[in-house]
Every structure is written in C-alpha cells, then in structure tokens.
C-alpha cells in the first residue's frame, strides 16, 4: 500500500461557533489549527475562507491569500487546496476569485464538485458551464482540481472532462459518502465508485457526519487516503455526546493508520505523485 494521504478539512461552510466552539473561523484560528495539524501529521489541507466580521463563508481572494500566506510560513510544501464550492456561490466569477492568487499565495489545488446535489437543508448548484469554466481556469493557472464526487454520475462526468482535455492525469478524487442525496457509507456503493475511477487516480474517502470514522477506517484498510476534520463531522462519538476538535480527529486517524502500518504521506511525495511543483525551496523563509 502507498502511504496514507491525510486531507485535513478544518472549517467547511456549515459549522458555526454556536454549533461548536472548536471550529476555526478567523484567519488566525484556521492558520493555528493547520499548524497544530502539521505537527500531528497531514499531507494536504482543504481550506474554506470565512468573513472576518460575520463568520460567513466567502470567496474573497484576499482572505484566502492571508490563509495561504500564514500557512506557508511554517509549512511551505504543504499541499493547499482552496474551496470553490457551489453551496453559497453560484456564478463562475465569484467562485473562481481565489484562482487569481499568484506567486507564493497561489494555491496548489481547487475543489471541483462534479455536479449539482442536495444536502439535507441546502443545495450545491454546479451548472455544467460553471464546472467547465472552473476546470478551464484551473488548467490555465496551473492549479490541479480536487475532484469531489458524491455519486457514480460525478465520476462519469470527470471522465467527460478528461476526454475534453480539461483535466490531466494523474487525477485526485475526494469520494464523499453518506450524504442524503448521494452514495451512502456502504461498501457496495464505495466499491462501485472505486471501480469507475480512471486508472492511476489517487483518492481519499470522506464520511459525512457519523460516517466519518467508519469511512476513514475503511479507506485506511483499503489503501486509500482519508479526508478528516470538522467540516464533515463535529462530534467525537456516534451518540453525539461530545464535540470533537480537529486535533482529536487527526490523532484518531493516526492511531488507525499505525495499526495498519500506513505511514502518513508527506506533502513532498504527494506533490511528486500529482506532478505539483515543489515550494519548499521557493518560499521565503523556508
């Protein structure tokens, strides 16, 4: 088995301080949580930016720039993905704003949800022209898409983008299971999705809510990567009697990985496998 990709998702678009005091919202809080995660051991980080005044999700390139700048001071080679989500923002220009960051502030990856879908109380709208537009912008900027698939149809759509030349292998997928309107946290659903991935793809598995721990465990046992953090699950236990911290969720993944003899993949190795440029020697102060 290859080393374990640990894709850290500290914030997301949904958790608030009212839901859990442990979710990082401000730039300083998110950067500090990533710093702690790097010390524990992660391969990449999937960032969501929040407005400093309201705590609401934002596409603002300036906020993303502050996050990336803060993280690269202590982890210059960490693979950084910015969210381009359609849960709050529908138009291409607003969603693509972080892709305009340049130099040391340029992200390595951008999330690309491969179709529209419903959550329990909200829709994520991803029109074909927006998906194609985001993929095209990322190709122009030299930013790799982090392909988000909630069901088989989304994987099929990624194959369409690949055939159109909008994606280049090797591909990286987040497979997100357990959403009410998508593939469930079930081995048959997972197996069907894995079967359809293009050859040579890397993948990490996310379980939403209560499904996070079992799906992390399955991914570790099967040789995949894990997506873990408060974005997908704010509780430590199935009974929801205790709120989790990002550090606790990460340490639990490390314990499972140790039992399966799966060392955590370094950011440098993921960069090599995905043909991403190294930043360790180019970032000031590195």
Protein backbone atom coordinates (compact mmCIF):
# COMPACT_ATOMS: atom_id res chain seq x y z
CA UNK A 1 0.00 0.00 0.00
CA UNK A 2 1.10 3.54 -0.64
CA UNK A 3 1.50 5.90 2.33
CA UNK A 4 -1.69 7.43 3.69
CA UNK A 5 -2.90 10.74 2.25
CA UNK A 6 -4.40 12.78 5.11
CA UNK A 7 -6.56 15.55 3.67
CA UNK A 8 -7.37 17.93 6.53
CA UNK A 9 -10.66 19.87 6.37
CA UNK A 10 -10.70 22.21 9.38
CA UNK A 11 -13.64 24.55 8.75
CA UNK A 12 -16.09 23.94 5.89
CA UNK A 13 -19.07 26.15 5.12
CA UNK A 14 -21.59 24.87 7.67
CA UNK A 15 -20.16 24.65 11.22
CA UNK A 16 -20.53 27.78 13.34
CA UNK A 17 -19.31 28.79 16.79
CA UNK A 18 -22.88 28.25 18.00
CA UNK A 19 -22.71 24.63 16.82
CA UNK A 20 -19.23 24.02 18.22
CA UNK A 21 -16.70 26.36 19.81
CA UNK A 22 -13.91 24.24 18.33
CA UNK A 23 -14.43 25.17 14.67
CA UNK A 24 -11.82 27.69 13.46
CA UNK A 25 -13.40 30.69 11.76
CA UNK A 26 -10.96 33.60 11.67
CA UNK A 27 -7.75 33.59 9.65
CA UNK A 28 -5.70 33.33 12.85
CA UNK A 29 -7.79 30.41 14.16
CA UNK A 30 -7.64 28.47 10.89
CA UNK A 31 -3.89 29.02 10.50
CA UNK A 32 -3.31 27.87 14.08
CA UNK A 33 -5.43 24.73 13.58
CA UNK A 34 -3.46 23.92 10.43
CA UNK A 35 -0.21 24.50 12.34
CA UNK A 36 -1.32 22.03 15.00
CA UNK A 37 -2.39 19.58 12.28
CA UNK A 38 1.00 19.81 10.57
CA UNK A 39 2.67 18.95 13.87
CA UNK A 40 0.40 15.88 14.21
CA UNK A 41 0.92 14.93 10.56
CA UNK A 42 -1.10 15.77 7.42
CA UNK A 43 -0.47 15.66 3.69
CA UNK A 44 -2.74 18.45 2.44
CA UNK A 45 -5.32 20.93 3.64
CA UNK A 46 -8.71 21.80 2.12
CA UNK A 47 -9.45 25.41 3.07
CA UNK A 48 -12.70 27.33 3.37
CA UNK A 49 -12.46 31.07 3.99
CA UNK A 50 -14.82 32.95 6.31
CA UNK A 51 -15.60 36.65 6.51
CA UNK A 52 -13.68 38.03 9.50
CA UNK A 53 -16.62 40.18 10.63
CA UNK A 54 -19.60 37.87 10.15
CA UNK A 55 -18.09 34.38 10.13
CA UNK A 56 -19.98 33.66 6.91
CA UNK A 57 -18.33 31.76 4.03
CA UNK A 58 -16.58 33.95 1.47
CA UNK A 59 -14.88 33.57 -1.92
CA UNK A 60 -12.70 36.61 -1.26
CA UNK A 61 -9.22 36.12 -2.69
CA UNK A 62 -7.77 38.48 -0.08
CA UNK A 63 -8.92 36.22 2.77
CA UNK A 64 -7.64 33.11 1.02
CA UNK A 65 -4.36 34.91 0.42
CA UNK A 66 -3.99 35.62 4.14
CA UNK A 67 -4.68 31.96 4.95
CA UNK A 68 -2.16 30.68 2.44
CA UNK A 69 0.46 33.22 3.49
CA UNK A 70 0.08 32.25 7.14
CA UNK A 71 0.29 28.52 6.45
CA UNK A 72 3.29 28.72 4.14
CA UNK A 73 5.31 30.50 6.84
CA UNK A 74 5.58 27.22 8.77
CA UNK A 75 4.67 24.59 6.13
CA UNK A 76 5.88 25.83 2.72
CA UNK A 77 5.49 22.47 1.00
CA UNK A 78 2.05 21.56 2.41
CA UNK A 79 -0.38 20.94 -0.46
CA UNK A 80 -3.04 23.65 -0.20
CA UNK A 81 -6.49 23.34 -1.81
CA UNK A 82 -8.98 26.22 -1.82
CA UNK A 83 -12.71 25.61 -1.87
CA UNK A 84 -14.64 26.67 -4.98
CA UNK A 85 -17.93 25.37 -3.59
CA UNK A 86 -21.38 25.99 -5.03
CA UNK A 87 -23.26 25.80 -1.73
CA UNK A 88 -23.37 29.58 -1.24
CA UNK A 89 -22.00 30.96 -4.51
CA UNK A 90 -23.36 30.03 -7.92
CA UNK A 91 -21.61 32.24 -10.50
CA UNK A 92 -18.27 31.41 -12.08
CA UNK A 93 -16.52 34.73 -11.47
CA UNK A 94 -17.05 34.82 -7.72
CA UNK A 95 -16.16 31.18 -7.25
CA UNK A 96 -13.02 31.50 -9.38
CA UNK A 97 -11.70 34.50 -7.44
CA UNK A 98 -9.12 32.55 -5.35
CA UNK A 99 -7.66 31.11 -8.57
CA UNK A 100 -6.28 34.56 -9.38
CA UNK A 101 -3.81 34.47 -6.49
CA UNK A 102 -0.22 34.42 -7.72
CA UNK A 103 3.32 33.77 -6.58
CA UNK A 104 3.67 32.41 -3.05
CA UNK A 105 -0.07 32.91 -2.50
CA UNK A 106 -1.11 30.69 -5.41
CA UNK A 107 -2.98 27.57 -4.23
CA UNK A 108 -1.87 24.15 -5.43
CA UNK A 109 -5.40 22.82 -5.92
CA UNK A 110 -9.01 23.98 -6.13
CA UNK A 111 -12.07 21.91 -5.29
CA UNK A 112 -14.32 20.95 -8.21
CA UNK A 113 -17.69 19.43 -7.36
CA UNK A 114 -18.70 17.47 -10.43
CA UNK A 115 -22.49 18.04 -10.46
CA UNK A 116 -25.29 19.72 -8.55
CA UNK A 117 -26.60 17.95 -5.46
CA UNK A 118 -28.90 18.38 -2.49
CA UNK A 119 -27.86 18.32 1.14
CA UNK A 120 -30.42 17.99 3.95
CA UNK A 121 -31.29 21.69 4.03
CA UNK A 122 -29.35 23.19 1.16
CA UNK A 123 -28.40 22.65 -2.47
CA UNK A 124 -24.97 22.86 -4.06
CA UNK A 125 -25.59 24.17 -7.56
CA UNK A 126 -22.91 23.38 -10.09
CA UNK A 127 -24.10 24.13 -13.60
CA UNK A 128 -22.20 22.41 -16.44
CA UNK A 129 -20.87 25.72 -17.73
CA UNK A 130 -19.55 26.62 -14.27
CA UNK A 131 -17.86 23.24 -13.81
CA UNK A 132 -16.26 23.51 -17.26
CA UNK A 133 -15.32 27.13 -16.58
CA UNK A 134 -13.64 26.34 -13.26
CA UNK A 135 -11.78 23.39 -14.79
CA UNK A 136 -10.61 25.62 -17.63
CA UNK A 137 -9.45 28.37 -15.30
CA UNK A 138 -7.50 25.90 -13.20
CA UNK A 139 -5.85 24.44 -16.28
CA UNK A 140 -4.81 27.93 -17.41
CA UNK A 141 -3.44 28.79 -13.96
CA UNK A 142 -1.61 25.51 -13.42
CA UNK A 143 -3.83 24.62 -10.44
CA UNK A 144 -4.89 20.98 -10.06
CA UNK A 145 -8.59 20.22 -9.46
CA UNK A 146 -9.50 18.34 -6.31
CA UNK A 147 -12.35 16.31 -7.80
CA UNK A 148 -15.33 15.96 -5.45
CA UNK A 149 -17.62 13.01 -6.21
CA UNK A 150 -20.75 12.25 -4.20
CA UNK A 151 -22.03 9.54 -6.55
CA UNK A 152 -21.20 7.49 -9.66
CA UNK A 153 -22.53 10.09 -12.08
CA UNK A 154 -19.98 12.61 -10.87
CA UNK A 155 -17.14 10.21 -11.60
CA UNK A 156 -18.57 9.73 -15.08
CA UNK A 157 -18.62 13.50 -15.55
CA UNK A 158 -14.95 13.67 -14.60
CA UNK A 159 -14.25 11.17 -17.40
CA UNK A 160 -16.08 13.53 -19.76
CA UNK A 161 -13.87 16.44 -18.64
CA UNK A 162 -10.81 14.24 -19.07
CA UNK A 163 -11.83 13.37 -22.63
CA UNK A 164 -12.35 17.08 -23.35
CA UNK A 165 -8.80 17.83 -22.24
CA UNK A 166 -9.89 19.92 -19.25
CA UNK A 167 -8.29 17.51 -16.77
CA UNK A 168 -4.86 15.94 -16.86
CA UNK A 169 -3.83 12.71 -15.17
CA UNK A 170 -2.96 11.72 -12.57
CA UNK A 171 -6.27 12.72 -11.01
CA UNK A 172 -7.08 13.19 -7.33
CA UNK A 173 -10.59 12.46 -6.02
CA UNK A 174 -12.41 13.03 -2.77
CA UNK A 175 -15.19 10.42 -2.54
CA UNK A 176 -17.80 11.79 -0.14
CA UNK A 177 -20.20 9.18 1.22
CA UNK A 178 -23.21 9.44 3.49
CA UNK A 179 -24.98 12.49 2.05
CA UNK A 180 -28.77 12.14 1.98
CA UNK A 181 -28.88 12.53 -1.83
CA UNK A 182 -25.73 10.68 -2.82
CA UNK A 183 -23.80 7.45 -2.40
CA UNK A 184 -24.20 6.02 1.07
CA UNK A 185 -21.50 4.96 3.51
CA UNK A 186 -21.76 1.41 2.27
CA UNK A 187 -19.09 -0.92 0.91
CA UNK A 188 -21.09 -1.70 -2.22
CA UNK A 189 -21.52 1.99 -3.03
CA UNK A 190 -17.83 2.61 -2.40
CA UNK A 191 -16.74 -0.36 -4.49
CA UNK A 192 -18.83 0.79 -7.44
CA UNK A 193 -17.25 4.25 -7.28
CA UNK A 194 -13.71 2.92 -6.98
CA UNK A 195 -14.26 0.66 -9.98
CA UNK A 196 -15.08 3.68 -12.15
CA UNK A 197 -12.06 5.82 -11.25
CA UNK A 198 -9.65 6.38 -14.15
CA UNK A 199 -6.51 4.26 -13.95
CA UNK A 200 -3.78 5.75 -11.79
CA UNK A 201 -6.10 8.04 -9.81
CA UNK A 202 -5.40 8.86 -6.18
CA UNK A 203 -8.38 9.01 -3.85
CA UNK A 204 -9.36 9.92 -0.33
CA UNK A 205 -12.56 8.87 1.37
CA UNK A 206 -14.83 11.10 3.43
CA UNK A 207 -17.76 10.02 5.57
CA UNK A 208 -20.23 12.75 6.38
CA UNK A 209 -21.40 13.11 9.97
CA UNK A 210 -21.47 9.80 11.85
CA UNK A 211 -19.96 8.08 8.82
CA UNK A 212 -16.60 9.83 9.13
CA UNK A 213 -14.91 7.34 11.47
CA UNK A 214 -16.03 4.12 9.71
CA UNK A 215 -15.21 5.50 6.27
CA UNK A 216 -11.79 6.70 7.45
CA UNK A 217 -11.19 3.22 8.82
CA UNK A 218 -12.28 1.57 5.56
CA UNK A 219 -10.05 3.85 3.49
CA UNK A 220 -7.03 3.13 5.67
CA UNK A 221 -7.63 -0.62 5.41
CA UNK A 222 -8.16 -0.49 1.63
CA UNK A 223 -5.12 1.59 0.76
CA UNK A 224 -6.86 4.89 0.09
CA UNK A 225 -6.49 8.28 1.72
CA UNK A 226 -8.70 9.95 4.31
CA UNK A 227 -10.45 13.28 4.40
CA UNK A 228 -10.92 14.27 8.03
CA UNK A 229 -11.92 17.35 10.02
CA UNK A 230 -14.74 19.39 11.49
CA UNK A 231 -16.03 20.32 8.03
CA UNK A 232 -17.59 16.85 7.75
CA UNK A 233 -18.21 15.91 11.38
CA UNK A 234 -18.28 17.98 14.58
CA UNK A 235 -18.83 15.11 17.03
CA UNK A 236 -16.35 12.69 18.53
CA UNK A 237 -18.78 9.79 19.03
CA UNK A 238 -21.83 8.26 17.35
CA UNK A 239 -24.05 9.19 20.31
CA UNK A 240 -23.07 12.84 19.71
CA UNK A 241 -22.42 13.28 23.41
CA UNK A 242 -19.09 15.06 22.92
CA UNK A 243 -17.92 17.68 20.45
CA UNK A 244 -14.66 16.89 18.70
CA UNK A 245 -11.65 19.04 17.99
CA UNK A 246 -9.70 18.84 14.76
CA UNK A 247 -6.66 17.61 16.67
CA UNK A 248 -8.64 14.75 18.24
CA UNK A 249 -9.99 13.64 14.88
CA UNK A 250 -6.50 13.68 13.38
CA UNK A 251 -4.92 11.76 16.28
CA UNK A 252 -7.60 9.09 15.93
CA UNK A 253 -6.73 8.68 12.24
CA UNK A 254 -3.07 8.37 13.18
CA UNK A 255 -3.87 5.59 15.65
CA UNK A 256 -5.81 3.68 12.99
CA UNK A 257 -3.05 4.23 10.46
CA UNK A 258 -0.42 2.90 12.86
CA UNK A 259 -2.42 -0.29 13.40
CA UNK A 260 -2.49 -0.82 9.61
CA UNK A 261 1.19 0.07 9.13
CA UNK A 262 0.24 3.06 6.95
CA UNK A 263 2.69 5.95 7.43
CA UNK A 264 1.32 9.37 6.50
CA UNK A 265 2.31 10.51 3.03
CA UNK A 266 4.47 13.61 3.09
CA UNK A 267 3.41 16.69 1.14
CA UNK A 268 6.56 16.30 -0.95
CA UNK A 269 5.56 12.79 -2.02
CA UNK A 270 2.02 13.87 -2.91
CA UNK A 271 3.49 16.70 -4.98
CA UNK A 272 5.63 14.18 -6.83
CA UNK A 273 2.74 11.81 -7.44
CA UNK A 274 0.46 14.61 -8.71
CA UNK A 275 3.20 16.44 -10.62
CA UNK A 276 2.81 19.58 -8.48
CA UNK A 277 5.73 21.97 -8.21
CA UNK A 278 7.75 21.89 -5.01
CA UNK A 279 7.51 25.04 -2.89
CA UNK A 280 9.88 24.14 -0.09
CA UNK A 281 12.83 25.80 -1.79
CA UNK A 282 10.95 28.77 -3.28
CA UNK A 283 9.02 30.17 -0.33
CA UNK A 284 10.80 32.98 1.55
CA UNK A 285 11.86 31.88 4.99
CA UNK A 286 11.59 28.18 4.14
